Amino acid sequence: MSDPLPPKFTRVALLIAAVIACAAAVHAQDNPYRVAEGWPQLPSAMKFGGVISTDVDARGNIWVFHRNDPPILQFA
């Protein structure tokens, strides 16, 4: 006698349903971030390279480490 649904198939189906439910809940949330138009202001000859890291110091300055010269930029 064969089982109508093998246990492994049932577990996989439940896992897929859970992943889909979680993904739908994530997409339903509003994005709290907004684009700051015109930020940052770089000198005309300078362009960003690939950004490696960013950090904010205690005074609120934003430091950007990127793959271009100069490699470290500070924005107040």
PDB file of N, CA and C in Angstrom:
ATOM      1  N   MET A   1       0.834  -1.169   0.000  1.00  0.00           N
ATOM      2  CA  MET A   1       0.000   0.000   0.000  1.00  0.00           C
ATOM      3  C   MET A   1       0.887   1.243   0.000  1.00  0.00           C
ATOM      4  N   SER A   2       0.615   2.174  -0.846  1.00  0.00           N
ATOM      5  CA  SER A   2       1.443   3.373  -0.949  1.00  0.00           C
ATOM      6  C   SER A   2       0.800   4.542  -0.197  1.00  0.00           C
ATOM      7  N   ASP A   3       1.656   5.389   0.369  1.00  0.00           N
ATOM      8  CA  ASP A   3       1.172   6.593   1.059  1.00  0.00           C
ATOM      9  C   ASP A   3       0.716   7.614   0.023  1.00  0.00           C
ATOM     10  N   PRO A   4      -0.378   8.349   0.293  1.00  0.00           N
ATOM     11  CA  PRO A   4      -0.817   9.364  -0.662  1.00  0.00           C
ATOM     12  C   PRO A   4       0.221  10.482  -0.826  1.00  0.00           C
ATOM     13  N   LEU A   5       0.844  10.915   0.262  1.00  0.00           N
ATOM     14  CA  LEU A   5       1.913  11.918   0.200  1.00  0.00           C
ATOM     15  C   LEU A   5       3.069  11.454   1.080  1.00  0.00           C
ATOM     16  N   PRO A   6       4.228  11.252   0.497  1.00  0.00           N
ATOM     17  CA  PRO A   6       5.374  10.845   1.304  1.00  0.00           C
ATOM     18  C   PRO A   6       5.725  11.946   2.316  1.00  0.00           C
ATOM     19  N   PRO A   7       6.221  11.575   3.499  1.00  0.00           N
ATOM     20  CA  PRO A   7       6.546  12.568   4.525  1.00  0.00           C
ATOM     21  C   PRO A   7       7.549  13.622   4.053  1.00  0.00           C
ATOM     22  N   LYS A   8       8.516  13.224   3.250  1.00  0.00           N
ATOM     23  CA  LYS A   8       9.517  14.183   2.769  1.00  0.00           C
ATOM     24  C   LYS A   8       8.857  15.236   1.884  1.00  0.00           C
ATOM     25  N   PHE A   9       7.959  14.828   1.012  1.00  0.00           N
ATOM     26  CA  PHE A   9       7.250  15.767   0.144  1.00  0.00           C
ATOM     27  C   PHE A   9       6.427  16.744   0.975  1.00  0.00           C
ATOM     28  N   THR A  10       5.771  16.253   2.018  1.00  0.00           N
ATOM     29  CA  THR A  10       4.949  17.104   2.883  1.00  0.00           C
ATOM     30  C   THR A  10       5.812  18.147   3.581  1.00  0.00           C
ATOM     31  N   ARG A  11       6.975  17.738   4.088  1.00  0.00           N
ATOM     32  CA  ARG A  11       7.876  18.686   4.758  1.00  0.00           C
ATOM     33  C   ARG A  11       8.370  19.747   3.788  1.00  0.00           C
ATOM     34  N   VAL A  12       8.735  19.344   2.594  1.00  0.00           N
ATOM     35  CA  VAL A  12       9.215  20.296   1.591  1.00  0.00           C
ATOM     36  C   VAL A  12       8.105  21.269   1.208  1.00  0.00           C
ATOM     37  N   ALA A  13       6.894  20.774   1.033  1.00  0.00           N
ATOM     38  CA  ALA A  13       5.766  21.640   0.683  1.00  0.00           C
ATOM     39  C   ALA A  13       5.487  22.648   1.792  1.00  0.00           C
ATOM     40  N   LEU A  14       5.547  22.215   3.053  1.00  0.00           N
ATOM     41  CA  LEU A  14       5.342  23.136   4.176  1.00  0.00           C
ATOM     42  C   LEU A  14       6.457  24.171   4.260  1.00  0.00           C
ATOM     43  N   LEU A  15       7.681  23.765   4.001  1.00  0.00           N
ATOM     44  CA  LEU A  15       8.804  24.698   4.008  1.00  0.00           C
ATOM     45  C   LEU A  15       8.640  25.756   2.924  1.00  0.00           C
ATOM     46  N   ILE A  16       8.265  25.346   1.730  1.00  0.00           N
ATOM     47  CA  ILE A  16       8.049  26.294   0.631  1.00  0.00           C
ATOM     48  C   ILE A  16       6.924  27.259   0.972  1.00  0.00           C
ATOM     49  N   ALA A  17       5.844  26.764   1.545  1.00  0.00           N
ATOM     50  CA  ALA A  17       4.725  27.633   1.933  1.00  0.00           C
ATOM     51  C   ALA A  17       5.164  28.644   2.986  1.00  0.00           C
ATOM     52  N   ALA A  18       5.994  28.229   3.940  1.00  0.00           N
ATOM     53  CA  ALA A  18       6.479  29.144   4.980  1.00  0.00           C
ATOM     54  C   ALA A  18       7.380  30.221   4.392  1.00  0.00           C
ATOM     55  N   VAL A  19       8.251  29.847   3.466  1.00  0.00           N
ATOM     56  CA  VAL A  19       9.137  30.824   2.826  1.00  0.00           C
ATOM     57  C   VAL A  19       8.324  31.843   2.038  1.00  0.00           C
ATOM     58  N   ILE A  20       7.336  31.400   1.309  1.00  0.00           N
ATOM     59  CA  ILE A  20       6.490  32.315   0.531  1.00  0.00           C
ATOM     60  C   ILE A  20       5.731  33.254   1.464  1.00  0.00           C
ATOM     61  N   ALA A  21       5.221  32.750   2.572  1.00  0.00           N
ATOM     62  CA  ALA A  21       4.484  33.590   3.523  1.00  0.00           C
ATOM     63  C   ALA A  21       5.396  34.643   4.139  1.00  0.00           C
ATOM     64  N   CYS A  22       6.619  34.268   4.485  1.00  0.00           N
ATOM     65  CA  CYS A  22       7.563  35.229   5.061  1.00  0.00           C
ATOM     66  C   CYS A  22       7.980  36.273   4.036  1.00  0.00           C
ATOM     67  N   ALA A  23       8.207  35.863   2.804  1.00  0.00           N
ATOM     68  CA  ALA A  23       8.596  36.806   1.759  1.00  0.00           C
ATOM     69  C   ALA A  23       7.486  37.808   1.498  1.00  0.00           C
ATOM     70  N   ALA A  24       6.252  37.377   1.521  1.00  0.00           N
ATOM     71  CA  ALA A  24       5.127  38.290   1.310  1.00  0.00           C
ATOM     72  C   ALA A  24       5.037  39.296   2.449  1.00  0.00           C
ATOM     73  N   ALA A  25       5.302  38.876   3.674  1.00  0.00           N
ATOM     74  CA  ALA A  25       5.250  39.786   4.820  1.00  0.00           C
ATOM     75  C   ALA A  25       6.365  40.824   4.752  1.00  0.00           C
ATOM     76  N   VAL A  26       7.542  40.432   4.287  1.00  0.00           N
ATOM     77  CA  VAL A  26       8.657  41.370   4.174  1.00  0.00           C
ATOM     78  C   VAL A  26       8.355  42.434   3.134  1.00  0.00           C
ATOM     79  N   HIS A  27       7.798  42.052   2.005  1.00  0.00           N
ATOM     80  CA  HIS A  27       7.510  43.016   0.945  1.00  0.00           C
ATOM     81  C   HIS A  27       6.346  43.930   1.295  1.00  0.00           C
ATOM     82  N   ALA A  28       5.551  43.581   2.268  1.00  0.00           N
ATOM     83  CA  ALA A  28       4.404  44.401   2.641  1.00  0.00           C
ATOM     84  C   ALA A  28       4.815  45.596   3.497  1.00  0.00           C
ATOM     85  N   GLN A  29       6.022  45.606   4.045  1.00  0.00           N
ATOM     86  CA  GLN A  29       6.470  46.692   4.912  1.00  0.00           C
ATOM     87  C   GLN A  29       6.919  47.890   4.089  1.00  0.00           C
ATOM     88  N   ASP A  30       6.673  49.095   4.625  1.00  0.00           N
ATOM     89  CA  ASP A  30       7.124  50.316   3.967  1.00  0.00           C
ATOM     90  C   ASP A  30       8.624  50.477   4.160  1.00  0.00           C
ATOM     91  N   ASN A  31       9.273  51.076   3.178  1.00  0.00           N
ATOM     92  CA  ASN A  31      10.695  51.350   3.244  1.00  0.00           C
ATOM     93  C   ASN A  31      10.902  52.660   4.000  1.00  0.00           C
ATOM     94  N   PRO A  32      11.598  52.641   5.148  1.00  0.00           N
ATOM     95  CA  PRO A  32      11.782  53.876   5.917  1.00  0.00           C
ATOM     96  C   PRO A  32      12.851  54.792   5.328  1.00  0.00           C
ATOM     97  N   TYR A  33      13.600  54.333   4.342  1.00  0.00           N
ATOM     98  CA  TYR A  33      14.688  55.119   3.781  1.00  0.00           C
ATOM     99  C   TYR A  33      14.212  55.886   2.559  1.00  0.00           C
ATOM    100  N   ARG A  34      14.753  57.076   2.393  1.00  0.00           N
ATOM    101  CA  ARG A  34      14.420  57.919   1.251  1.00  0.00           C
ATOM    102  C   ARG A  34      15.709  58.387   0.583  1.00  0.00           C
ATOM    103  N   VAL A  35      15.663  58.639  -0.702  1.00  0.00           N
ATOM    104  CA  VAL A  35      16.820  59.124  -1.446  1.00  0.00           C
ATOM    105  C   VAL A  35      17.043  60.594  -1.109  1.00  0.00           C
ATOM    106  N   ALA A  36      18.282  60.944  -0.780  1.00  0.00           N
ATOM    107  CA  ALA A  36      18.648  62.342  -0.543  1.00  0.00           C
ATOM    108  C   ALA A  36      19.162  62.886  -1.872  1.00  0.00           C
ATOM    109  N   GLU A  37      18.297  63.562  -2.603  1.00  0.00           N
ATOM    110  CA  GLU A  37      18.656  64.072  -3.934  1.00  0.00           C
ATOM    111  C   GLU A  37      19.858  65.016  -3.835  1.00  0.00           C
ATOM    112  N   GLY A  38      20.811  64.849  -4.742  1.00  0.00           N
ATOM    113  CA  GLY A  38      21.968  65.733  -4.800  1.00  0.00           C
ATOM    114  C   GLY A  38      23.039  65.442  -3.757  1.00  0.00           C
ATOM    115  N   TRP A  39      22.899  64.364  -3.006  1.00  0.00           N
ATOM    116  CA  TRP A  39      23.928  64.017  -2.024  1.00  0.00           C
ATOM    117  C   TRP A  39      24.747  62.879  -2.553  1.00  0.00           C
ATOM    118  N   PRO A  40      25.985  62.845  -2.413  1.00  0.00           N
ATOM    119  CA  PRO A  40      26.911  63.844  -1.894  1.00  0.00           C
ATOM    120  C   PRO A  40      27.382  64.760  -3.010  1.00  0.00           C
ATOM    121  N   GLN A  41      27.910  65.896  -2.645  1.00  0.00           N
ATOM    122  CA  GLN A  41      28.469  66.829  -3.618  1.00  0.00           C
ATOM    123  C   GLN A  41      29.965  66.547  -3.747  1.00  0.00           C
ATOM    124  N   LEU A  42      30.359  66.016  -4.894  1.00  0.00           N
ATOM    125  CA  LEU A  42      31.770  65.751  -5.175  1.00  0.00           C
ATOM    126  C   LEU A  42      32.303  66.835  -6.095  1.00  0.00           C
ATOM    127  N   PRO A  43      33.614  67.132  -6.028  1.00  0.00           N
ATOM    128  CA  PRO A  43      34.196  68.048  -7.014  1.00  0.00           C
ATOM    129  C   PRO A  43      33.947  67.519  -8.424  1.00  0.00           C
ATOM    130  N   SER A  44      33.900  68.412  -9.400  1.00  0.00           N
ATOM    131  CA  SER A  44      33.495  68.031 -10.758  1.00  0.00           C
ATOM    132  C   SER A  44      34.373  66.944 -11.372  1.00  0.00           C
ATOM    133  N   ALA A  45      35.661  66.915 -11.071  1.00  0.00           N
ATOM    134  CA  ALA A  45      36.559  65.931 -11.681  1.00  0.00           C
ATOM    135  C   ALA A  45      36.572  64.605 -10.918  1.00  0.00           C
ATOM    136  N   MET A  46      35.946  64.548  -9.759  1.00  0.00           N
ATOM    137  CA  MET A  46      36.004  63.340  -8.932  1.00  0.00           C
ATOM    138  C   MET A  46      34.765  62.478  -9.136  1.00  0.00           C
ATOM    139  N   LYS A  47      34.995  61.168  -9.160  1.00  0.00           N
ATOM    140  CA  LYS A  47      33.897  60.206  -9.250  1.00  0.00           C
ATOM    141  C   LYS A  47      34.095  59.145  -8.183  1.00  0.00           C
ATOM    142  N   PHE A  48      32.968  58.584  -7.738  1.00  0.00           N
ATOM    143  CA  PHE A  48      33.053  57.484  -6.786  1.00  0.00           C
ATOM    144  C   PHE A  48      33.574  56.244  -7.486  1.00  0.00           C
ATOM    145  N   GLY A  49      34.440  55.515  -6.778  1.00  0.00           N
ATOM    146  CA  GLY A  49      34.805  54.178  -7.196  1.00  0.00           C
ATOM    147  C   GLY A  49      33.848  53.218  -6.503  1.00  0.00           C
ATOM    148  N   GLY A  50      34.162  51.959  -6.516  1.00  0.00           N
ATOM    149  CA  GLY A  50      33.336  51.008  -5.780  1.00  0.00           C
ATOM    150  C   GLY A  50      33.431  51.295  -4.289  1.00  0.00           C
ATOM    151  N   VAL A  51      32.315  51.545  -3.653  1.00  0.00           N
ATOM    152  CA  VAL A  51      32.324  51.874  -2.228  1.00  0.00           C
ATOM    153  C   VAL A  51      32.548  50.594  -1.425  1.00  0.00           C
ATOM    154  N   ILE A  52      33.584  50.625  -0.593  1.00  0.00           N
ATOM    155  CA  ILE A  52      33.949  49.485   0.228  1.00  0.00           C
ATOM    156  C   ILE A  52      33.191  49.521   1.549  1.00  0.00           C
ATOM    157  N   SER A  53      33.140  50.715   2.154  1.00  0.00           N
ATOM    158  CA  SER A  53      32.519  50.833   3.467  1.00  0.00           C
ATOM    159  C   SER A  53      32.123  52.275   3.720  1.00  0.00           C
ATOM    160  N   THR A  54      31.175  52.459   4.613  1.00  0.00           N
ATOM    161  CA  THR A  54      30.798  53.790   5.086  1.00  0.00           C
ATOM    162  C   THR A  54      30.685  53.726   6.600  1.00  0.00           C
ATOM    163  N   ASP A  55      30.855  54.885   7.231  1.00  0.00           N
ATOM    164  CA  ASP A  55      30.731  54.950   8.680  1.00  0.00           C
ATOM    165  C   ASP A  55      30.332  56.362   9.066  1.00  0.00           C
ATOM    166  N   VAL A  56      29.693  56.495  10.204  1.00  0.00           N
ATOM    167  CA  VAL A  56      29.315  57.794  10.747  1.00  0.00           C
ATOM    168  C   VAL A  56      30.043  57.952  12.068  1.00  0.00           C
ATOM    169  N   ASP A  57      30.752  59.102  12.234  1.00  0.00           N
ATOM    170  CA  ASP A  57      31.468  59.314  13.491  1.00  0.00           C
ATOM    171  C   ASP A  57      30.566  59.972  14.531  1.00  0.00           C
ATOM    172  N   ALA A  58      31.130  60.249  15.709  1.00  0.00           N
ATOM    173  CA  ALA A  58      30.354  60.798  16.828  1.00  0.00           C
ATOM    174  C   ALA A  58      29.800  62.190  16.531  1.00  0.00           C
ATOM    175  N   ARG A  59      30.422  62.916  15.590  1.00  0.00           N
ATOM    176  CA  ARG A  59      29.957  64.268  15.251  1.00  0.00           C
ATOM    177  C   ARG A  59      28.953  64.274  14.101  1.00  0.00           C
ATOM    178  N   GLY A  60      28.612  63.107  13.587  1.00  0.00           N
ATOM    179  CA  GLY A  60      27.645  63.029  12.496  1.00  0.00           C
ATOM    180  C   GLY A  60      28.260  63.117  11.115  1.00  0.00           C
ATOM    181  N   ASN A  61      29.594  63.156  11.032  1.00  0.00           N
ATOM    182  CA  ASN A  61      30.265  63.164   9.735  1.00  0.00           C
ATOM    183  C   ASN A  61      30.181  61.779   9.118  1.00  0.00           C
ATOM    184  N   ILE A  62      30.040  61.739   7.813  1.00  0.00           N
ATOM    185  CA  ILE A  62      29.964  60.467   7.098  1.00  0.00           C
ATOM    186  C   ILE A  62      31.293  60.233   6.400  1.00  0.00           C
ATOM    187  N   TRP A  63      31.904  59.104   6.669  1.00  0.00           N
ATOM    188  CA  TRP A  63      33.166  58.714   6.062  1.00  0.00           C
ATOM    189  C   TRP A  63      32.884  57.625   5.036  1.00  0.00           C
ATOM    190  N   VAL A  64      33.444  57.787   3.847  1.00  0.00           N
ATOM    191  CA  VAL A  64      33.247  56.827   2.759  1.00  0.00           C
ATOM    192  C   VAL A  64      34.613  56.309   2.326  1.00  0.00           C
ATOM    193  N   PHE A  65      34.759  55.004   2.316  1.00  0.00           N
ATOM    194  CA  PHE A  65      35.973  54.354   1.831  1.00  0.00           C
ATOM    195  C   PHE A  65      35.630  53.739   0.477  1.00  0.00           C
ATOM    196  N   HIS A  66      36.337  54.181  -0.576  1.00  0.00           N
ATOM    197  CA  HIS A  66      35.999  53.703  -1.917  1.00  0.00           C
ATOM    198  C   HIS A  66      37.260  53.436  -2.723  1.00  0.00           C
ATOM    199  N   ARG A  67      37.092  52.797  -3.871  1.00  0.00           N
ATOM    200  CA  ARG A  67      38.217  52.387  -4.715  1.00  0.00           C
ATOM    201  C   ARG A  67      38.512  53.442  -5.778  1.00  0.00           C
ATOM    202  N   ASN A  68      38.961  54.602  -5.319  1.00  0.00           N
ATOM    203  CA  ASN A  68      39.362  55.688  -6.205  1.00  0.00           C
ATOM    204  C   ASN A  68      40.264  56.602  -5.391  1.00  0.00           C
ATOM    205  N   ASP A  69      40.871  57.577  -6.037  1.00  0.00           N
ATOM    206  CA  ASP A  69      41.735  58.531  -5.331  1.00  0.00           C
ATOM    207  C   ASP A  69      40.985  59.813  -5.067  1.00  0.00           C
ATOM    208  N   PRO A  70      41.025  60.338  -3.872  1.00  0.00           N
ATOM    209  CA  PRO A  70      41.533  59.755  -2.640  1.00  0.00           C
ATOM    210  C   PRO A  70      40.605  58.648  -2.141  1.00  0.00           C
ATOM    211  N   PRO A  71      41.166  57.646  -1.474  1.00  0.00           N
ATOM    212  CA  PRO A  71      40.340  56.499  -1.086  1.00  0.00           C
ATOM    213  C   PRO A  71      39.382  56.761   0.075  1.00  0.00           C
ATOM    214  N   ILE A  72      39.646  57.817   0.868  1.00  0.00           N
ATOM    215  CA  ILE A  72      38.793  58.125   2.018  1.00  0.00           C
ATOM    216  C   ILE A  72      38.208  59.517   1.839  1.00  0.00           C
ATOM    217  N   LEU A  73      36.881  59.611   1.925  1.00  0.00           N
ATOM    218  CA  LEU A  73      36.189  60.893   1.797  1.00  0.00           C
ATOM    219  C   LEU A  73      35.389  61.152   3.066  1.00  0.00           C
ATOM    220  N   GLN A  74      35.338  62.434   3.464  1.00  0.00           N
ATOM    221  CA  GLN A  74      34.555  62.826   4.632  1.00  0.00           C
ATOM    222  C   GLN A  74      33.492  63.819   4.187  1.00  0.00           C
ATOM    223  N   PHE A  75      32.249  63.578   4.613  1.00  0.00           N
ATOM    224  CA  PHE A  75      31.144  64.487   4.324  1.00  0.00           C
ATOM    225  C   PHE A  75      30.583  64.969   5.652  1.00  0.00           C
ATOM    226  N   ALA A  76      30.515  66.302   5.786  1.00  0.00           N
ATOM    227  CA  ALA A  76      30.014  66.887   7.041  1.00  0.00           C
ATOM    228  C   ALA A  76      28.528  67.113   6.945  1.00  0.00           C
TER     229      ALA A  76
END
